Amino acid sequence: MTVGRLFAAAFGAGLALAASATASAAPPEVHERIVFVVPGQYLGAAPYQPLVAALNLQGYRATALDLPGFDMDADARAVGAAVDAALAAHPDAEVALVSHSIGGTSTRHYLKNLGGSDKVDTYVAFGTAQYGSPGACGQPVGAEVCPGTDFMTALNSGDDTPGDTAYYGIRSAREWADGRLDGGQCRMTPTPTAVDGGTDHALEPVNLHVWGQVSAALAGRCEGEFVDDRDAAFTAEQTLFPNGR
């Protein structure tokens, strides 16, 4: 079965599960907790709708942002505008950001460099190459995520996890980058591998193991290990391909 068919099958199963649960459950008590899901490159909001439905079923005010993942600064500013609008409408709410793949990079740029860590209580990244991805090198969009670029060097200088935001990292057992950050981060126990690192990465938006870890993080549970590495404790190369290709 091709990766595309695997994705379509998993997407359909996740959507059916979320729809069935929503139809059968009593209306939840809505938390004063707003969750924005930030997509990976090229994916847009559609693949994240089952996850959004599952989070709304739990009582969160969840929305998937429709961002392309082409320009980290532009996407970070769009995340910031969404957060500001949400807090203007719900000033007593807490805000969490759940980001996939390159979306975790733009979102962390927002937290670190655009004042977001003062407004966001929880940051959850799944499948994010936090120190850069070789797949971005030389690409027409998102090339600043190539390891060693000025953007990535600045993003990872000093403390990776500023402010009072809680930082969570989620990855599959064979994810191509381990997603670690220095400073305080909960590194969730890796989810089981479905096929290989690349397929796992593509299927993460509809992976029920990932959903469970996202839910745990939003509830403040570290289902793994909390690590507080010193600044510059590792290099970009050390974060890549932890279990081989």
C-alpha atoms as a PDB file:
ATOM      1  CA  MET A   1       0.000   0.000   0.000  1.00  0.00           C
ATOM      2  CA  THR A   2       1.373   3.442  -0.871  1.00  0.00           C
ATOM      3  CA  VAL A   3       1.959   6.138   1.728  1.00  0.00           C
ATOM      4  CA  GLY A   4      -0.918   8.100   0.176  1.00  0.00           C
ATOM      5  CA  ARG A   5      -3.323   5.203   0.618  1.00  0.00           C
ATOM      6  CA  LEU A   6      -2.089   4.602   4.151  1.00  0.00           C
ATOM      7  CA  PHE A   7      -2.700   8.258   4.945  1.00  0.00           C
ATOM      8  CA  ALA A   8      -6.168   8.177   3.382  1.00  0.00           C
ATOM      9  CA  ALA A   9      -7.105   5.024   5.277  1.00  0.00           C
ATOM     10  CA  ALA A  10      -5.860   6.391   8.591  1.00  0.00           C
ATOM     11  CA  PHE A  11      -7.524   9.742   7.956  1.00  0.00           C
ATOM     12  CA  GLY A  12     -10.853   8.043   7.253  1.00  0.00           C
ATOM     13  CA  ALA A  13     -10.589   5.861  10.336  1.00  0.00           C
ATOM     14  CA  GLY A  14      -9.706   8.815  12.550  1.00  0.00           C
ATOM     15  CA  LEU A  15     -12.516  10.948  11.151  1.00  0.00           C
ATOM     16  CA  ALA A  16     -15.041   8.138  11.637  1.00  0.00           C
ATOM     17  CA  LEU A  17     -13.865   7.578  15.207  1.00  0.00           C
ATOM     18  CA  ALA A  18     -14.103  11.254  16.100  1.00  0.00           C
ATOM     19  CA  ALA A  19     -17.503  11.624  14.431  1.00  0.00           C
ATOM     20  CA  SER A  20     -18.876   8.531  16.175  1.00  0.00           C
ATOM     21  CA  ALA A  21     -17.621   9.651  19.565  1.00  0.00           C
ATOM     22  CA  THR A  22     -19.013  13.142  19.063  1.00  0.00           C
ATOM     23  CA  ALA A  23     -22.419  11.805  18.082  1.00  0.00           C
ATOM     24  CA  SER A  24     -22.668   9.445  21.067  1.00  0.00           C
ATOM     25  CA  ALA A  25     -21.249  11.645  23.808  1.00  0.00           C
ATOM     26  CA  ALA A  26     -23.034  14.180  25.961  1.00  0.00           C
ATOM     27  CA  PRO A  27     -22.094  17.817  25.294  1.00  0.00           C
ATOM     28  CA  PRO A  28     -18.834  18.429  27.187  1.00  0.00           C
ATOM     29  CA  GLU A  29     -18.163  21.154  29.685  1.00  0.00           C
ATOM     30  CA  VAL A  30     -16.049  23.677  27.784  1.00  0.00           C
ATOM     31  CA  HIS A  31     -12.705  24.463  29.413  1.00  0.00           C
ATOM     32  CA  GLU A  32     -11.376  27.982  29.368  1.00  0.00           C
ATOM     33  CA  ARG A  33      -8.615  26.490  27.245  1.00  0.00           C
ATOM     34  CA  ILE A  34      -8.079  27.402  23.607  1.00  0.00           C
ATOM     35  CA  VAL A  35      -6.032  25.039  21.454  1.00  0.00           C
ATOM     36  CA  PHE A  36      -4.591  25.941  18.068  1.00  0.00           C
ATOM     37  CA  VAL A  37      -3.296  23.094  15.909  1.00  0.00           C
ATOM     38  CA  VAL A  38      -0.517  24.272  13.579  1.00  0.00           C
ATOM     39  CA  PRO A  39      -0.054  22.066  10.480  1.00  0.00           C
ATOM     40  CA  GLY A  40       2.982  20.678   8.743  1.00  0.00           C
ATOM     41  CA  GLN A  41       4.225  21.941   5.398  1.00  0.00           C
ATOM     42  CA  TYR A  42       1.766  21.786   2.473  1.00  0.00           C
ATOM     43  CA  LEU A  43      -0.861  19.957   4.566  1.00  0.00           C
ATOM     44  CA  GLY A  44      -3.192  22.795   5.529  1.00  0.00           C
ATOM     45  CA  ALA A  45      -5.947  22.328   8.100  1.00  0.00           C
ATOM     46  CA  ALA A  46      -7.857  19.381   6.600  1.00  0.00           C
ATOM     47  CA  PRO A  47      -5.757  16.416   7.870  1.00  0.00           C
ATOM     48  CA  TYR A  48      -6.029  17.739  11.438  1.00  0.00           C
ATOM     49  CA  GLN A  49      -9.823  17.914  11.620  1.00  0.00           C
ATOM     50  CA  PRO A  50     -10.190  14.487  13.310  1.00  0.00           C
ATOM     51  CA  LEU A  51      -7.721  15.574  16.008  1.00  0.00           C
ATOM     52  CA  VAL A  52      -9.569  18.871  16.384  1.00  0.00           C
ATOM     53  CA  ALA A  53     -12.867  17.001  16.736  1.00  0.00           C
ATOM     54  CA  ALA A  54     -11.363  14.735  19.391  1.00  0.00           C
ATOM     55  CA  LEU A  55     -10.038  17.719  21.343  1.00  0.00           C
ATOM     56  CA  ASN A  56     -13.350  19.532  21.124  1.00  0.00           C
ATOM     57  CA  LEU A  57     -15.012  16.374  22.410  1.00  0.00           C
ATOM     58  CA  GLN A  58     -12.786  16.691  25.478  1.00  0.00           C
ATOM     59  CA  GLY A  59     -14.090  20.213  26.029  1.00  0.00           C
ATOM     60  CA  TYR A  60     -11.317  22.318  24.524  1.00  0.00           C
ATOM     61  CA  ARG A  61     -11.928  25.146  22.068  1.00  0.00           C
ATOM     62  CA  ALA A  62      -9.767  23.633  19.339  1.00  0.00           C
ATOM     63  CA  THR A  63      -9.101  24.978  15.843  1.00  0.00           C
ATOM     64  CA  ALA A  64      -6.651  23.966  13.125  1.00  0.00           C
ATOM     65  CA  LEU A  65      -4.944  26.921  11.468  1.00  0.00           C
ATOM     66  CA  ASP A  66      -4.668  26.831   7.679  1.00  0.00           C
ATOM     67  CA  LEU A  67      -0.985  27.726   7.237  1.00  0.00           C
ATOM     68  CA  PRO A  68       1.292  26.578   4.381  1.00  0.00           C
ATOM     69  CA  GLY A  69       4.577  26.119   6.237  1.00  0.00           C
ATOM     70  CA  PHE A  70       6.491  28.026   3.566  1.00  0.00           C
ATOM     71  CA  ASP A  71       7.818  30.981   5.598  1.00  0.00           C
ATOM     72  CA  MET A  72       8.554  30.532   9.298  1.00  0.00           C
ATOM     73  CA  ASP A  73       8.292  34.183  10.229  1.00  0.00           C
ATOM     74  CA  ALA A  74       5.042  34.727   8.321  1.00  0.00           C
ATOM     75  CA  ASP A  75       3.465  31.630   9.859  1.00  0.00           C
ATOM     76  CA  ALA A  76       4.682  32.606  13.329  1.00  0.00           C
ATOM     77  CA  ARG A  77       3.038  35.995  12.967  1.00  0.00           C
ATOM     78  CA  ALA A  78      -0.190  34.346  11.803  1.00  0.00           C
ATOM     79  CA  VAL A  79      -0.125  32.134  14.906  1.00  0.00           C
ATOM     80  CA  GLY A  80       0.412  35.237  17.007  1.00  0.00           C
ATOM     81  CA  ALA A  81      -2.540  37.010  15.402  1.00  0.00           C
ATOM     82  CA  ALA A  82      -4.775  33.997  16.112  1.00  0.00           C
ATOM     83  CA  VAL A  83      -3.642  33.899  19.746  1.00  0.00           C
ATOM     84  CA  ASP A  84      -4.206  37.635  20.191  1.00  0.00           C
ATOM     85  CA  ALA A  85      -7.694  37.425  18.697  1.00  0.00           C
ATOM     86  CA  ALA A  86      -8.591  34.474  20.908  1.00  0.00           C
ATOM     87  CA  LEU A  87      -7.400  36.213  24.061  1.00  0.00           C
ATOM     88  CA  ALA A  88      -9.245  39.386  23.115  1.00  0.00           C
ATOM     89  CA  ALA A  89     -12.455  37.360  22.876  1.00  0.00           C
ATOM     90  CA  HIS A  90     -11.701  35.170  25.912  1.00  0.00           C
ATOM     91  CA  PRO A  91      -9.360  37.146  28.173  1.00  0.00           C
ATOM     92  CA  ASP A  92      -9.464  34.581  30.993  1.00  0.00           C
ATOM     93  CA  ALA A  93      -8.642  31.610  28.780  1.00  0.00           C
ATOM     94  CA  GLU A  94      -5.397  29.680  28.627  1.00  0.00           C
ATOM     95  CA  VAL A  95      -3.902  29.021  25.197  1.00  0.00           C
ATOM     96  CA  ALA A  96      -2.105  25.897  24.019  1.00  0.00           C
ATOM     97  CA  LEU A  97      -0.333  25.340  20.692  1.00  0.00           C
ATOM     98  CA  VAL A  98      -0.210  21.833  19.206  1.00  0.00           C
ATOM     99  CA  SER A  99       2.145  21.788  16.227  1.00  0.00           C
ATOM    100  CA  HIS A 100       3.145  19.173  13.673  1.00  0.00           C
ATOM    101  CA  SER A 101       6.430  18.931  11.779  1.00  0.00           C
ATOM    102  CA  ILE A 102       7.594  22.304  10.432  1.00  0.00           C
ATOM    103  CA  GLY A 103       4.652  23.919  12.226  1.00  0.00           C
ATOM    104  CA  GLY A 104       6.509  23.286  15.457  1.00  0.00           C
ATOM    105  CA  THR A 105       9.397  25.378  14.161  1.00  0.00           C
ATOM    106  CA  SER A 106       7.353  28.441  13.220  1.00  0.00           C
ATOM    107  CA  THR A 107       5.387  28.144  16.451  1.00  0.00           C
ATOM    108  CA  ARG A 108       8.525  28.023  18.556  1.00  0.00           C
ATOM    109  CA  HIS A 109       9.829  31.085  16.691  1.00  0.00           C
ATOM    110  CA  TYR A 110       6.639  32.816  17.802  1.00  0.00           C
ATOM    111  CA  LEU A 111       7.160  31.712  21.405  1.00  0.00           C
ATOM    112  CA  LYS A 112      10.822  32.665  21.601  1.00  0.00           C
ATOM    113  CA  ASN A 113      11.182  35.718  19.398  1.00  0.00           C
ATOM    114  CA  LEU A 114       7.733  37.295  19.025  1.00  0.00           C
ATOM    115  CA  GLY A 115       6.528  37.373  22.622  1.00  0.00           C
ATOM    116  CA  GLY A 116       4.421  34.228  22.478  1.00  0.00           C
ATOM    117  CA  SER A 117       5.824  32.616  25.621  1.00  0.00           C
ATOM    118  CA  ASP A 118       4.087  35.359  27.639  1.00  0.00           C
ATOM    119  CA  LYS A 119       0.705  34.322  26.216  1.00  0.00           C
ATOM    120  CA  VAL A 120       0.856  30.547  25.709  1.00  0.00           C
ATOM    121  CA  ASP A 121       0.794  28.091  28.601  1.00  0.00           C
ATOM    122  CA  THR A 122       1.513  24.844  26.705  1.00  0.00           C
ATOM    123  CA  TYR A 123       3.481  24.002  23.558  1.00  0.00           C
ATOM    124  CA  VAL A 124       3.177  20.498  22.112  1.00  0.00           C
ATOM    125  CA  ALA A 125       5.249  19.573  19.058  1.00  0.00           C
ATOM    126  CA  PHE A 126       4.966  16.232  17.312  1.00  0.00           C
ATOM    127  CA  GLY A 127       7.313  15.159  14.530  1.00  0.00           C
ATOM    128  CA  THR A 128       9.239  18.444  14.675  1.00  0.00           C
ATOM    129  CA  ALA A 129      12.936  18.553  13.751  1.00  0.00           C
ATOM    130  CA  GLN A 130      13.677  21.177  16.381  1.00  0.00           C
ATOM    131  CA  TYR A 131      17.301  21.688  15.281  1.00  0.00           C
ATOM    132  CA  GLY A 132      16.536  21.574  11.576  1.00  0.00           C
ATOM    133  CA  SER A 133      15.782  19.044   8.873  1.00  0.00           C
ATOM    134  CA  PRO A 134      18.110  18.136   5.977  1.00  0.00           C
ATOM    135  CA  GLY A 135      14.964  17.760   3.881  1.00  0.00           C
ATOM    136  CA  ALA A 136      14.568  21.540   3.939  1.00  0.00           C
ATOM    137  CA  CYS A 137      17.992  22.247   2.490  1.00  0.00           C
ATOM    138  CA  GLY A 138      17.848  23.796  -0.966  1.00  0.00           C
ATOM    139  CA  GLN A 139      14.049  23.747  -1.125  1.00  0.00           C
ATOM    140  CA  PRO A 140      12.079  26.646  -2.663  1.00  0.00           C
ATOM    141  CA  VAL A 141      10.025  27.088   0.528  1.00  0.00           C
ATOM    142  CA  GLY A 142      10.894  26.567   4.172  1.00  0.00           C
ATOM    143  CA  ALA A 143      14.619  26.425   3.395  1.00  0.00           C
ATOM    144  CA  GLU A 144      15.417  28.341   6.578  1.00  0.00           C
ATOM    145  CA  VAL A 145      14.731  25.087   8.492  1.00  0.00           C
ATOM    146  CA  CYS A 146      17.870  23.517   6.998  1.00  0.00           C
ATOM    147  CA  PRO A 147      20.315  22.838   9.877  1.00  0.00           C
ATOM    148  CA  GLY A 148      22.874  25.590  10.349  1.00  0.00           C
ATOM    149  CA  THR A 149      20.964  28.409   8.641  1.00  0.00           C
ATOM    150  CA  ASP A 150      20.940  31.817  10.281  1.00  0.00           C
ATOM    151  CA  PHE A 151      17.305  31.234  11.230  1.00  0.00           C
ATOM    152  CA  MET A 152      17.908  27.889  12.957  1.00  0.00           C
ATOM    153  CA  THR A 153      21.089  29.146  14.627  1.00  0.00           C
ATOM    154  CA  ALA A 154      19.216  32.100  16.103  1.00  0.00           C
ATOM    155  CA  LEU A 155      16.223  29.984  17.089  1.00  0.00           C
ATOM    156  CA  ASN A 156      18.415  27.550  19.006  1.00  0.00           C
ATOM    157  CA  SER A 157      20.798  30.015  20.607  1.00  0.00           C
ATOM    158  CA  GLY A 158      20.419  30.416  24.345  1.00  0.00           C
ATOM    159  CA  ASP A 159      17.447  28.823  26.089  1.00  0.00           C
ATOM    160  CA  ASP A 160      15.210  26.800  23.741  1.00  0.00           C
ATOM    161  CA  THR A 161      12.315  26.785  26.209  1.00  0.00           C
ATOM    162  CA  PRO A 162      11.836  30.328  27.515  1.00  0.00           C
ATOM    163  CA  GLY A 163       9.157  31.651  29.808  1.00  0.00           C
ATOM    164  CA  ASP A 164       6.623  29.724  31.864  1.00  0.00           C
ATOM    165  CA  THR A 165       5.313  27.778  28.859  1.00  0.00           C
ATOM    166  CA  ALA A 166       5.307  23.981  29.319  1.00  0.00           C
ATOM    167  CA  TYR A 167       7.147  22.302  26.417  1.00  0.00           C
ATOM    168  CA  TYR A 168       6.309  18.779  25.201  1.00  0.00           C
ATOM    169  CA  GLY A 169       7.942  16.753  22.414  1.00  0.00           C
ATOM    170  CA  ILE A 170       6.257  13.774  20.718  1.00  0.00           C
ATOM    171  CA  ARG A 171       7.782  11.499  18.089  1.00  0.00           C
ATOM    172  CA  SER A 172       7.509   7.987  16.740  1.00  0.00           C
ATOM    173  CA  ALA A 173      10.110   5.371  17.621  1.00  0.00           C
ATOM    174  CA  ARG A 174      11.711   5.812  14.182  1.00  0.00           C
ATOM    175  CA  GLU A 175      11.090   9.488  13.598  1.00  0.00           C
ATOM    176  CA  TRP A 176      13.890  11.013  11.523  1.00  0.00           C
ATOM    177  CA  ALA A 177      14.616  13.689  14.133  1.00  0.00           C
ATOM    178  CA  ASP A 178      14.276  13.262  17.867  1.00  0.00           C
ATOM    179  CA  GLY A 179      12.691  16.665  18.548  1.00  0.00           C
ATOM    180  CA  ARG A 180      14.713  17.428  21.660  1.00  0.00           C
ATOM    181  CA  LEU A 181      15.154  20.928  23.079  1.00  0.00           C
ATOM    182  CA  ASP A 182      17.524  22.170  25.736  1.00  0.00           C
ATOM    183  CA  GLY A 183      16.015  23.692  28.822  1.00  0.00           C
ATOM    184  CA  GLY A 184      12.918  22.150  30.388  1.00  0.00           C
ATOM    185  CA  GLN A 185      11.072  19.774  28.061  1.00  0.00           C
ATOM    186  CA  CYS A 186       8.897  16.705  28.518  1.00  0.00           C
ATOM    187  CA  ARG A 187      10.048  14.104  25.989  1.00  0.00           C
ATOM    188  CA  MET A 188       7.128  11.743  25.614  1.00  0.00           C
ATOM    189  CA  THR A 189       7.841   8.022  25.284  1.00  0.00           C
ATOM    190  CA  PRO A 190       8.121   7.417  21.505  1.00  0.00           C
ATOM    191  CA  THR A 191       4.952   6.076  19.887  1.00  0.00           C
ATOM    192  CA  PRO A 192       5.104   2.672  18.120  1.00  0.00           C
ATOM    193  CA  THR A 193       6.468   2.600  14.595  1.00  0.00           C
ATOM    194  CA  ALA A 194       3.892   1.759  11.915  1.00  0.00           C
ATOM    195  CA  VAL A 195       6.144   1.264   8.880  1.00  0.00           C
ATOM    196  CA  ASP A 196       9.216   3.510   8.807  1.00  0.00           C
ATOM    197  CA  GLY A 197      10.228   6.966   9.925  1.00  0.00           C
ATOM    198  CA  GLY A 198       8.869   8.759   6.867  1.00  0.00           C
ATOM    199  CA  THR A 199       5.518   6.981   6.842  1.00  0.00           C
ATOM    200  CA  ASP A 200       5.173   7.443  10.590  1.00  0.00           C
ATOM    201  CA  HIS A 201       5.776  11.152  10.136  1.00  0.00           C
ATOM    202  CA  ALA A 202       3.120  11.460   7.411  1.00  0.00           C
ATOM    203  CA  LEU A 203       0.525   9.585   9.477  1.00  0.00           C
ATOM    204  CA  GLU A 204       1.071  11.449  12.752  1.00  0.00           C
ATOM    205  CA  PRO A 205      -1.950  13.771  12.356  1.00  0.00           C
ATOM    206  CA  VAL A 206      -4.266  10.731  12.459  1.00  0.00           C
ATOM    207  CA  ASN A 207      -2.218   8.459  14.736  1.00  0.00           C
ATOM    208  CA  LEU A 208      -4.285   7.583  17.800  1.00  0.00           C
ATOM    209  CA  HIS A 209      -1.121   7.110  19.895  1.00  0.00           C
ATOM    210  CA  VAL A 210      -0.142  10.694  19.039  1.00  0.00           C
ATOM    211  CA  TRP A 211      -3.646  11.871  19.920  1.00  0.00           C
ATOM    212  CA  GLY A 212      -3.346  10.217  23.319  1.00  0.00           C
ATOM    213  CA  GLN A 213      -0.041  11.921  24.020  1.00  0.00           C
ATOM    214  CA  VAL A 214      -1.391  15.288  22.881  1.00  0.00           C
ATOM    215  CA  SER A 215      -4.300  14.849  25.289  1.00  0.00           C
ATOM    216  CA  ALA A 216      -1.933  13.911  28.106  1.00  0.00           C
ATOM    217  CA  ALA A 217       0.227  16.969  27.459  1.00  0.00           C
ATOM    218  CA  LEU A 218      -2.780  19.284  27.449  1.00  0.00           C
ATOM    219  CA  ALA A 219      -3.769  17.767  30.791  1.00  0.00           C
ATOM    220  CA  GLY A 220      -0.274  18.479  32.125  1.00  0.00           C
ATOM    221  CA  ARG A 221       0.913  14.867  32.213  1.00  0.00           C
ATOM    222  CA  CYS A 222       4.445  13.994  31.113  1.00  0.00           C
ATOM    223  CA  GLU A 223       4.128  10.426  29.849  1.00  0.00           C
ATOM    224  CA  GLY A 224       7.844  10.052  29.354  1.00  0.00           C
ATOM    225  CA  GLU A 225      10.802  11.919  30.823  1.00  0.00           C
ATOM    226  CA  PHE A 226      11.151  15.547  31.856  1.00  0.00           C
ATOM    227  CA  VAL A 227      14.642  16.740  30.896  1.00  0.00           C
ATOM    228  CA  ASP A 228      16.352  20.026  31.713  1.00  0.00           C
ATOM    229  CA  ASP A 229      19.452  20.058  29.498  1.00  0.00           C
ATOM    230  CA  ARG A 230      21.895  22.939  29.725  1.00  0.00           C
ATOM    231  CA  ASP A 231      22.017  25.403  26.840  1.00  0.00           C
ATOM    232  CA  ALA A 232      23.937  24.098  23.794  1.00  0.00           C
ATOM    233  CA  ALA A 233      24.021  20.587  25.248  1.00  0.00           C
ATOM    234  CA  PHE A 234      23.880  18.960  21.802  1.00  0.00           C
ATOM    235  CA  THR A 235      24.316  19.705  18.102  1.00  0.00           C
ATOM    236  CA  ALA A 236      21.874  19.526  15.230  1.00  0.00           C
ATOM    237  CA  GLU A 237      23.605  16.426  13.896  1.00  0.00           C
ATOM    238  CA  GLN A 238      23.054  14.606  17.189  1.00  0.00           C
ATOM    239  CA  THR A 239      19.271  15.104  16.926  1.00  0.00           C
ATOM    240  CA  LEU A 240      18.906  13.440  13.528  1.00  0.00           C
ATOM    241  CA  PHE A 241      18.018   9.851  12.633  1.00  0.00           C
ATOM    242  CA  PRO A 242      18.154   8.427  16.163  1.00  0.00           C
ATOM    243  CA  ASN A 243      17.412   4.867  15.008  1.00  0.00           C
ATOM    244  CA  GLY A 244      18.720   4.978  11.450  1.00  0.00           C
ATOM    245  CA  ARG A 245      16.748   5.496   8.279  1.00  0.00           C
END
